[in-house]
mmCIF file of all heavy atoms, coordinates in Angstrom:
data_MODEL
# 
_entry.id   MODEL 
# 
loop_
_atom_site.group_PDB 
_atom_site.id 
_atom_site.type_symbol 
_atom_site.label_atom_id 
_atom_site.label_alt_id 
_atom_site.label_comp_id 
_atom_site.label_asym_id 
_atom_site.label_entity_id 
_atom_site.label_seq_id 
_atom_site.pdbx_PDB_ins_code 
_atom_site.Cartn_x 
_atom_site.Cartn_y 
_atom_site.Cartn_z 
_atom_site.occupancy 
_atom_site.B_iso_or_equiv 
_atom_site.pdbx_formal_charge 
_atom_site.auth_seq_id 
_atom_site.auth_comp_id 
_atom_site.auth_asym_id 
_atom_site.auth_atom_id 
_atom_site.pdbx_PDB_model_num 
ATOM 1   N N   . ALA A 1 1  ? 11.753  -5.677  5.872  1.00 0.00 ? 1  ALA A N   1 
ATOM 2   C CA  . ALA A 1 1  ? 11.293  -4.991  7.081  1.00 0.00 ? 1  ALA A CA  1 
ATOM 3   C C   . ALA A 1 1  ? 12.304  -5.141  8.209  1.00 0.00 ? 1  ALA A C   1 
ATOM 4   O O   . ALA A 1 1  ? 12.578  -4.200  8.960  1.00 0.00 ? 1  ALA A O   1 
ATOM 5   C CB  . ALA A 1 1  ? 9.936   -5.541  7.501  1.00 0.00 ? 1  ALA A CB  1 
ATOM 6   N N   . ALA A 1 2  ? 12.888  -6.334  8.347  1.00 0.00 ? 2  ALA A N   1 
ATOM 7   C CA  . ALA A 1 2  ? 13.883  -6.550  9.389  1.00 0.00 ? 2  ALA A CA  1 
ATOM 8   C C   . ALA A 1 2  ? 15.132  -5.733  9.127  1.00 0.00 ? 2  ALA A C   1 
ATOM 9   O O   . ALA A 1 2  ? 15.765  -5.219  10.058 1.00 0.00 ? 2  ALA A O   1 
ATOM 10  C CB  . ALA A 1 2  ? 14.229  -8.037  9.475  1.00 0.00 ? 2  ALA A CB  1 
ATOM 11  N N   . ASP A 1 3  ? 15.512  -5.589  7.852  1.00 0.00 ? 3  ASP A N   1 
ATOM 12  C CA  . ASP A 1 3  ? 16.645  -4.724  7.491  1.00 0.00 ? 3  ASP A CA  1 
ATOM 13  C C   . ASP A 1 3  ? 16.418  -3.305  7.981  1.00 0.00 ? 3  ASP A C   1 
ATOM 14  O O   . ASP A 1 3  ? 17.337  -2.653  8.493  1.00 0.00 ? 3  ASP A O   1 
ATOM 15  C CB  . ASP A 1 3  ? 16.822  -4.687  5.969  1.00 0.00 ? 3  ASP A CB  1 
ATOM 16  C CG  . ASP A 1 3  ? 17.577  -5.879  5.430  1.00 0.00 ? 3  ASP A CG  1 
ATOM 17  O OD1 . ASP A 1 3  ? 18.242  -6.584  6.201  1.00 0.00 ? 3  ASP A OD1 1 
ATOM 18  O OD2 . ASP A 1 3  ? 17.490  -6.110  4.208  1.00 0.00 ? 3  ASP A OD2 1 
ATOM 19  N N   . LYS A 1 4  ? 15.188  -2.823  7.792  1.00 0.00 ? 4  LYS A N   1 
ATOM 20  C CA  . LYS A 1 4  ? 14.864  -1.461  8.215  1.00 0.00 ? 4  LYS A CA  1 
ATOM 21  C C   . LYS A 1 4  ? 15.090  -1.301  9.714  1.00 0.00 ? 4  LYS A C   1 
ATOM 22  O O   . LYS A 1 4  ? 15.723  -0.342  10.164 1.00 0.00 ? 4  LYS A O   1 
ATOM 23  C CB  . LYS A 1 4  ? 13.413  -1.142  7.846  1.00 0.00 ? 4  LYS A CB  1 
ATOM 24  C CG  . LYS A 1 4  ? 12.878  0.173   8.380  1.00 0.00 ? 4  LYS A CG  1 
ATOM 25  C CD  . LYS A 1 4  ? 13.616  1.382   7.818  1.00 0.00 ? 4  LYS A CD  1 
ATOM 26  C CE  . LYS A 1 4  ? 13.326  1.529   6.343  1.00 0.00 ? 4  LYS A CE  1 
ATOM 27  N NZ  . LYS A 1 4  ? 13.942  2.777   5.813  1.00 0.00 ? 4  LYS A NZ  1 
ATOM 28  N N   . TRP A 1 5  ? 14.553  -2.234  10.505 1.00 0.00 ? 5  TRP A N   1 
ATOM 29  C CA  . TRP A 1 5  ? 14.732  -2.124  11.953 1.00 0.00 ? 5  TRP A CA  1 
ATOM 30  C C   . TRP A 1 5  ? 16.156  -2.424  12.380 1.00 0.00 ? 5  TRP A C   1 
ATOM 31  O O   . TRP A 1 5  ? 16.693  -1.783  13.296 1.00 0.00 ? 5  TRP A O   1 
ATOM 32  C CB  . TRP A 1 5  ? 13.741  -3.037  12.675 1.00 0.00 ? 5  TRP A CB  1 
ATOM 33  C CG  . TRP A 1 5  ? 12.358  -2.467  12.688 1.00 0.00 ? 5  TRP A CG  1 
ATOM 34  C CD1 . TRP A 1 5  ? 11.216  -3.008  12.173 1.00 0.00 ? 5  TRP A CD1 1 
ATOM 35  C CD2 . TRP A 1 5  ? 11.979  -1.201  13.242 1.00 0.00 ? 5  TRP A CD2 1 
ATOM 36  N NE1 . TRP A 1 5  ? 10.157  -2.167  12.361 1.00 0.00 ? 5  TRP A NE1 1 
ATOM 37  C CE2 . TRP A 1 5  ? 10.591  -1.046  13.017 1.00 0.00 ? 5  TRP A CE2 1 
ATOM 38  C CE3 . TRP A 1 5  ? 12.671  -0.173  13.891 1.00 0.00 ? 5  TRP A CE3 1 
ATOM 39  C CZ2 . TRP A 1 5  ? 9.883   0.083   13.429 1.00 0.00 ? 5  TRP A CZ2 1 
ATOM 40  C CZ3 . TRP A 1 5  ? 11.985  0.954   14.300 1.00 0.00 ? 5  TRP A CZ3 1 
ATOM 41  C CH2 . TRP A 1 5  ? 10.598  1.075   14.071 1.00 0.00 ? 5  TRP A CH2 1 
ATOM 42  N N   . GLY A 1 6  ? 16.813  -3.364  11.712 1.00 0.00 ? 6  GLY A N   1 
ATOM 43  C CA  . GLY A 1 6  ? 18.195  -3.665  12.056 1.00 0.00 ? 6  GLY A CA  1 
ATOM 44  C C   . GLY A 1 6  ? 19.117  -2.476  11.844 1.00 0.00 ? 6  GLY A C   1 
ATOM 45  O O   . GLY A 1 6  ? 20.053  -2.256  12.606 1.00 0.00 ? 6  GLY A O   1 
ATOM 46  N N   . ALA A 1 7  ? 18.836  -1.694  10.805 1.00 0.00 ? 7  ALA A N   1 
ATOM 47  C CA  . ALA A 1 7  ? 19.659  -0.524  10.508 1.00 0.00 ? 7  ALA A CA  1 
ATOM 48  C C   . ALA A 1 7  ? 19.306  0.676   11.376 1.00 0.00 ? 7  ALA A C   1 
ATOM 49  O O   . ALA A 1 7  ? 20.089  1.618   11.488 1.00 0.00 ? 7  ALA A O   1 
ATOM 50  C CB  . ALA A 1 7  ? 19.493  -0.148  9.028  1.00 0.00 ? 7  ALA A CB  1 
ATOM 51  N N   . THR A 1 8  ? 18.137  0.647   11.997 1.00 0.00 ? 8  THR A N   1 
ATOM 52  C CA  . THR A 1 8  ? 17.658  1.787   12.776 1.00 0.00 ? 8  THR A CA  1 
ATOM 53  C C   . THR A 1 8  ? 17.975  1.649   14.261 1.00 0.00 ? 8  THR A C   1 
ATOM 54  O O   . THR A 1 8  ? 18.286  2.636   14.932 1.00 0.00 ? 8  THR A O   1 
ATOM 55  C CB  . THR A 1 8  ? 16.133  1.947   12.588 1.00 0.00 ? 8  THR A CB  1 
ATOM 56  O OG1 . THR A 1 8  ? 15.842  2.074   11.194 1.00 0.00 ? 8  THR A OG1 1 
ATOM 57  C CG2 . THR A 1 8  ? 15.608  3.172   13.314 1.00 0.00 ? 8  THR A CG2 1 
ATOM 58  N N   . LEU A 1 9  ? 17.899  0.417   14.767 1.00 0.00 ? 9  LEU A N   1 
ATOM 59  C CA  . LEU A 1 9  ? 18.087  0.168   16.192 1.00 0.00 ? 9  LEU A CA  1 
ATOM 60  C C   . LEU A 1 9  ? 19.550  -0.061  16.543 1.00 0.00 ? 9  LEU A C   1 
ATOM 61  O O   . LEU A 1 9  ? 20.385  -0.303  15.667 1.00 0.00 ? 9  LEU A O   1 
ATOM 62  C CB  . LEU A 1 9  ? 17.281  -1.058  16.615 1.00 0.00 ? 9  LEU A CB  1 
ATOM 63  C CG  . LEU A 1 9  ? 15.778  -1.032  16.338 1.00 0.00 ? 9  LEU A CG  1 
ATOM 64  C CD1 . LEU A 1 9  ? 15.178  -2.392  16.647 1.00 0.00 ? 9  LEU A CD1 1 
ATOM 65  C CD2 . LEU A 1 9  ? 15.103  0.059   17.148 1.00 0.00 ? 9  LEU A CD2 1 
ATOM 66  N N   . THR A 1 10 ? 19.848  -0.011  17.837 1.00 0.00 ? 10 THR A N   1 
ATOM 67  C CA  . THR A 1 10 ? 21.162  -0.369  18.350 1.00 0.00 ? 10 THR A CA  1 
ATOM 68  C C   . THR A 1 10 ? 20.984  -1.360  19.491 1.00 0.00 ? 10 THR A C   1 
ATOM 69  O O   . THR A 1 10 ? 20.266  -1.080  20.453 1.00 0.00 ? 10 THR A O   1 
ATOM 70  C CB  . THR A 1 10 ? 21.922  0.867   18.865 1.00 0.00 ? 10 THR A CB  1 
ATOM 71  O OG1 . THR A 1 10 ? 22.074  1.799   17.802 1.00 0.00 ? 10 THR A OG1 1 
ATOM 72  C CG2 . THR A 1 10 ? 23.286  0.475   19.399 1.00 0.00 ? 10 THR A CG2 1 
ATOM 73  N N   . SER A 1 11 ? 21.591  -2.526  19.378 1.00 0.00 ? 11 SER A N   1 
ATOM 74  C CA  . SER A 1 11 ? 21.550  -3.518  20.454 1.00 0.00 ? 11 SER A CA  1 
ATOM 75  C C   . SER A 1 11 ? 22.700  -4.491  20.266 1.00 0.00 ? 11 SER A C   1 
ATOM 76  O O   . SER A 1 11 ? 22.974  -4.933  19.144 1.00 0.00 ? 11 SER A O   1 
ATOM 77  C CB  . SER A 1 11 ? 20.229  -4.284  20.456 1.00 0.00 ? 11 SER A CB  1 
ATOM 78  O OG  . SER A 1 11 ? 20.218  -5.263  21.481 1.00 0.00 ? 11 SER A OG  1 
ATOM 79  N N   . SER A 1 12 ? 23.380  -4.823  21.351 1.00 0.00 ? 12 SER A N   1 
ATOM 80  C CA  . SER A 1 12 ? 24.462  -5.800  21.301 1.00 0.00 ? 12 SER A CA  1 
ATOM 81  C C   . SER A 1 12 ? 23.933  -7.226  21.401 1.00 0.00 ? 12 SER A C   1 
ATOM 82  O O   . SER A 1 12 ? 24.694  -8.183  21.248 1.00 0.00 ? 12 SER A O   1 
ATOM 83  C CB  . SER A 1 12 ? 25.459  -5.535  22.429 1.00 0.00 ? 12 SER A CB  1 
ATOM 84  O OG  . SER A 1 12 ? 24.825  -5.679  23.701 1.00 0.00 ? 12 SER A OG  1 
ATOM 85  N N   . VAL A 1 13 ? 22.633  -7.362  21.681 1.00 0.00 ? 13 VAL A N   1 
ATOM 86  C CA  . VAL A 1 13 ? 22.009  -8.681  21.813 1.00 0.00 ? 13 VAL A CA  1 
ATOM 87  C C   . VAL A 1 13 ? 21.146  -8.952  20.580 1.00 0.00 ? 13 VAL A C   1 
ATOM 88  O O   . VAL A 1 13 ? 20.380  -8.090  20.149 1.00 0.00 ? 13 VAL A O   1 
ATOM 89  C CB  . VAL A 1 13 ? 21.130  -8.759  23.080 1.00 0.00 ? 13 VAL A CB  1 
ATOM 90  C CG1 . VAL A 1 13 ? 20.523  -10.150 23.231 1.00 0.00 ? 13 VAL A CG1 1 
ATOM 91  C CG2 . VAL A 1 13 ? 21.956  -8.401  24.317 1.00 0.00 ? 13 VAL A CG2 1 
ATOM 92  N N   . PHE A 1 14 ? 21.273  -10.126 20.002 1.00 0.00 ? 14 PHE A N   1 
ATOM 93  C CA  . PHE A 1 14 ? 20.472  -10.485 18.838 1.00 0.00 ? 14 PHE A CA  1 
ATOM 94  C C   . PHE A 1 14 ? 18.983  -10.341 19.160 1.00 0.00 ? 14 PHE A C   1 
ATOM 95  O O   . PHE A 1 14 ? 18.528  -10.666 20.262 1.00 0.00 ? 14 PHE A O   1 
ATOM 96  C CB  . PHE A 1 14 ? 20.740  -11.928 18.407 1.00 0.00 ? 14 PHE A CB  1 
ATOM 97  C CG  . PHE A 1 14 ? 22.078  -12.162 17.768 1.00 0.00 ? 14 PHE A CG  1 
ATOM 98  C CD1 . PHE A 1 14 ? 23.012  -11.137 17.642 1.00 0.00 ? 14 PHE A CD1 1 
ATOM 99  C CD2 . PHE A 1 14 ? 22.413  -13.418 17.276 1.00 0.00 ? 14 PHE A CD2 1 
ATOM 100 C CE1 . PHE A 1 14 ? 24.245  -11.353 17.050 1.00 0.00 ? 14 PHE A CE1 1 
ATOM 101 C CE2 . PHE A 1 14 ? 23.645  -13.649 16.684 1.00 0.00 ? 14 PHE A CE2 1 
ATOM 102 C CZ  . PHE A 1 14 ? 24.564  -12.616 16.571 1.00 0.00 ? 14 PHE A CZ  1 
ATOM 103 N N   . ILE A 1 15 ? 18.214  -9.881  18.169 1.00 0.00 ? 15 ILE A N   1 
ATOM 104 C CA  . ILE A 1 15 ? 16.759  -9.786  18.280 1.00 0.00 ? 15 ILE A CA  1 
ATOM 105 C C   . ILE A 1 15 ? 16.180  -10.951 17.484 1.00 0.00 ? 15 ILE A C   1 
ATOM 106 O O   . ILE A 1 15 ? 16.379  -11.043 16.269 1.00 0.00 ? 15 ILE A O   1 
ATOM 107 C CB  . ILE A 1 15 ? 16.243  -8.451  17.733 1.00 0.00 ? 15 ILE A CB  1 
ATOM 108 C CG1 . ILE A 1 15 ? 16.850  -7.277  18.506 1.00 0.00 ? 15 ILE A CG1 1 
ATOM 109 C CG2 . ILE A 1 15 ? 14.710  -8.394  17.789 1.00 0.00 ? 15 ILE A CG2 1 
ATOM 110 C CD1 . ILE A 1 15 ? 16.616  -5.923  17.859 1.00 0.00 ? 15 ILE A CD1 1 
ATOM 111 N N   . THR A 1 16 ? 15.463  -11.845 18.143 1.00 0.00 ? 16 THR A N   1 
ATOM 112 C CA  . THR A 1 16 ? 14.942  -13.040 17.483 1.00 0.00 ? 16 THR A CA  1 
ATOM 113 C C   . THR A 1 16 ? 13.425  -12.971 17.374 1.00 0.00 ? 16 THR A C   1 
ATOM 114 O O   . THR A 1 16 ? 12.737  -12.590 18.315 1.00 0.00 ? 16 THR A O   1 
ATOM 115 C CB  . THR A 1 16 ? 15.350  -14.310 18.241 1.00 0.00 ? 16 THR A CB  1 
ATOM 116 O OG1 . THR A 1 16 ? 14.957  -14.186 19.612 1.00 0.00 ? 16 THR A OG1 1 
ATOM 117 C CG2 . THR A 1 16 ? 16.851  -14.519 18.170 1.00 0.00 ? 16 THR A CG2 1 
ATOM 118 N N   . ILE A 1 17 ? 12.923  -13.374 16.205 1.00 0.00 ? 17 ILE A N   1 
ATOM 119 C CA  . ILE A 1 17 ? 11.492  -13.284 15.908 1.00 0.00 ? 17 ILE A CA  1 
ATOM 120 C C   . ILE A 1 17 ? 10.978  -14.653 15.473 1.00 0.00 ? 17 ILE A C   1 
ATOM 121 O O   . ILE A 1 17 ? 11.465  -15.227 14.494 1.00 0.00 ? 17 ILE A O   1 
ATOM 122 C CB  . ILE A 1 17 ? 11.224  -12.266 14.788 1.00 0.00 ? 17 ILE A CB  1 
ATOM 123 C CG1 . ILE A 1 17 ? 11.815  -10.903 15.142 1.00 0.00 ? 17 ILE A CG1 1 
ATOM 124 C CG2 . ILE A 1 17 ? 9.728   -12.153 14.503 1.00 0.00 ? 17 ILE A CG2 1 
ATOM 125 C CD1 . ILE A 1 17 ? 11.897  -9.950  13.962 1.00 0.00 ? 17 ILE A CD1 1 
ATOM 126 N N   . ASP A 1 18 ? 10.015  -15.168 16.196 1.00 0.00 ? 18 ASP A N   1 
ATOM 127 C CA  . ASP A 1 18 ? 9.313   -16.393 15.817 1.00 0.00 ? 18 ASP A CA  1 
ATOM 128 C C   . ASP A 1 18 ? 8.192   -15.977 14.864 1.00 0.00 ? 18 ASP A C   1 
ATOM 129 O O   . ASP A 1 18 ? 7.221   -15.342 15.267 1.00 0.00 ? 18 ASP A O   1 
ATOM 130 C CB  . ASP A 1 18 ? 8.758   -17.058 17.071 1.00 0.00 ? 18 ASP A CB  1 
ATOM 131 C CG  . ASP A 1 18 ? 7.801   -18.213 16.785 1.00 0.00 ? 18 ASP A CG  1 
ATOM 132 O OD1 . ASP A 1 18 ? 7.730   -18.649 15.622 1.00 0.00 ? 18 ASP A OD1 1 
ATOM 133 O OD2 . ASP A 1 18 ? 7.104   -18.655 17.710 1.00 0.00 ? 18 ASP A OD2 1 
ATOM 134 N N   . ALA A 1 19 ? 8.331   -16.319 13.575 1.00 0.00 ? 19 ALA A N   1 
ATOM 135 C CA  . ALA A 1 19 ? 7.426   -15.809 12.549 1.00 0.00 ? 19 ALA A CA  1 
ATOM 136 C C   . ALA A 1 19 ? 6.721   -16.932 11.815 1.00 0.00 ? 19 ALA A C   1 
ATOM 137 O O   . ALA A 1 19 ? 7.290   -18.003 11.576 1.00 0.00 ? 19 ALA A O   1 
ATOM 138 C CB  . ALA A 1 19 ? 8.201   -14.952 11.555 1.00 0.00 ? 19 ALA A CB  1 
ATOM 139 N N   . GLY A 1 20 ? 5.473   -16.678 11.443 1.00 0.00 ? 20 GLY A N   1 
ATOM 140 C CA  . GLY A 1 20 ? 4.733   -17.667 10.685 1.00 0.00 ? 20 GLY A CA  1 
ATOM 141 C C   . GLY A 1 20 ? 3.403   -17.145 10.184 1.00 0.00 ? 20 GLY A C   1 
ATOM 142 O O   . GLY A 1 20 ? 2.989   -16.033 10.522 1.00 0.00 ? 20 GLY A O   1 
ATOM 143 N N   . PHE A 1 21 ? 2.750   -17.946 9.361  1.00 0.00 ? 21 PHE A N   1 
ATOM 144 C CA  . PHE A 1 21 ? 1.420   -17.636 8.836  1.00 0.00 ? 21 PHE A CA  1 
ATOM 145 C C   . PHE A 1 21 ? 0.398   -18.550 9.493  1.00 0.00 ? 21 PHE A C   1 
ATOM 146 O O   . PHE A 1 21 ? 0.668   -19.723 9.752  1.00 0.00 ? 21 PHE A O   1 
ATOM 147 C CB  . PHE A 1 21 ? 1.376   -17.836 7.318  1.00 0.00 ? 21 PHE A CB  1 
ATOM 148 C CG  . PHE A 1 21 ? 1.843   -16.641 6.536  1.00 0.00 ? 21 PHE A CG  1 
ATOM 149 C CD1 . PHE A 1 21 ? 3.202   -16.363 6.415  1.00 0.00 ? 21 PHE A CD1 1 
ATOM 150 C CD2 . PHE A 1 21 ? 0.934   -15.800 5.922  1.00 0.00 ? 21 PHE A CD2 1 
ATOM 151 C CE1 . PHE A 1 21 ? 3.636   -15.262 5.701  1.00 0.00 ? 21 PHE A CE1 1 
ATOM 152 C CE2 . PHE A 1 21 ? 1.352   -14.695 5.200  1.00 0.00 ? 21 PHE A CE2 1 
ATOM 153 C CZ  . PHE A 1 21 ? 2.708   -14.420 5.094  1.00 0.00 ? 21 PHE A CZ  1 
ATOM 154 N N   . THR A 1 22 ? -0.800  -17.990 9.728  1.00 0.00 ? 22 THR A N   1 
ATOM 155 C CA  . THR A 1 22 ? -1.889  -18.768 10.309 1.00 0.00 ? 22 THR A CA  1 
ATOM 156 C C   . THR A 1 22 ? -3.204  -18.105 9.942  1.00 0.00 ? 22 THR A C   1 
ATOM 157 O O   . THR A 1 22 ? -3.229  -17.015 9.367  1.00 0.00 ? 22 THR A O   1 
ATOM 158 C CB  . THR A 1 22 ? -1.736  -18.855 11.846 1.00 0.00 ? 22 THR A CB  1 
ATOM 159 O OG1 . THR A 1 22 ? -2.664  -19.809 12.350 1.00 0.00 ? 22 THR A OG1 1 
ATOM 160 C CG2 . THR A 1 22 ? -1.986  -17.507 12.503 1.00 0.00 ? 22 THR A CG2 1 
ATOM 161 N N   . ALA A 1 23 ? -4.306  -18.751 10.239 1.00 0.00 ? 23 ALA A N   1 
ATOM 162 C CA  . ALA A 1 23 ? -5.629  -18.166 9.996  1.00 0.00 ? 23 ALA A CA  1 
ATOM 163 C C   . ALA A 1 23 ? -5.927  -17.159 11.096 1.00 0.00 ? 23 ALA A C   1 
ATOM 164 O O   . ALA A 1 23 ? -5.887  -17.495 12.280 1.00 0.00 ? 23 ALA A O   1 
ATOM 165 C CB  . ALA A 1 23 ? -6.696  -19.252 9.970  1.00 0.00 ? 23 ALA A CB  1 
ATOM 166 N N   . LEU A 1 24 ? -6.198  -15.921 10.707 1.00 0.00 ? 24 LEU A N   1 
ATOM 167 C CA  . LEU A 1 24 ? -6.574  -14.867 11.645 1.00 0.00 ? 24 LEU A CA  1 
ATOM 168 C C   . LEU A 1 24 ? -7.993  -14.399 11.329 1.00 0.00 ? 24 LEU A C   1 
ATOM 169 O O   . LEU A 1 24 ? -8.516  -14.672 10.247 1.00 0.00 ? 24 LEU A O   1 
ATOM 170 C CB  . LEU A 1 24 ? -5.591  -13.698 11.562 1.00 0.00 ? 24 LEU A CB  1 
ATOM 171 C CG  . LEU A 1 24 ? -4.139  -14.011 11.951 1.00 0.00 ? 24 LEU A CG  1 
ATOM 172 C CD1 . LEU A 1 24 ? -3.246  -12.807 11.714 1.00 0.00 ? 24 LEU A CD1 1 
ATOM 173 C CD2 . LEU A 1 24 ? -4.044  -14.463 13.397 1.00 0.00 ? 24 LEU A CD2 1 
ATOM 174 N N   . SER A 1 25 ? -8.587  -13.700 12.244 1.00 0.00 ? 25 SER A N   1 
ATOM 175 C CA  . SER A 1 25 ? -9.978  -13.269 12.108 1.00 0.00 ? 25 SER A CA  1 
ATOM 176 C C   . SER A 1 25 ? -10.197 -12.458 10.843 1.00 0.00 ? 25 SER A C   1 
ATOM 177 O O   . SER A 1 25 ? -9.415  -11.550 10.526 1.00 0.00 ? 25 SER A O   1 
ATOM 178 C CB  . SER A 1 25 ? -10.367 -12.433 13.331 1.00 0.00 ? 25 SER A CB  1 
ATOM 179 O OG  . SER A 1 25 ? -11.655 -11.905 13.194 1.00 0.00 ? 25 SER A OG  1 
# 
């Protein structure tokens, strides 16, 4: 999924994502 957005967007600044799994409703 990140590859898809990385190839689609343009930005000179790194895009950082804090990712994890947790219990959701």
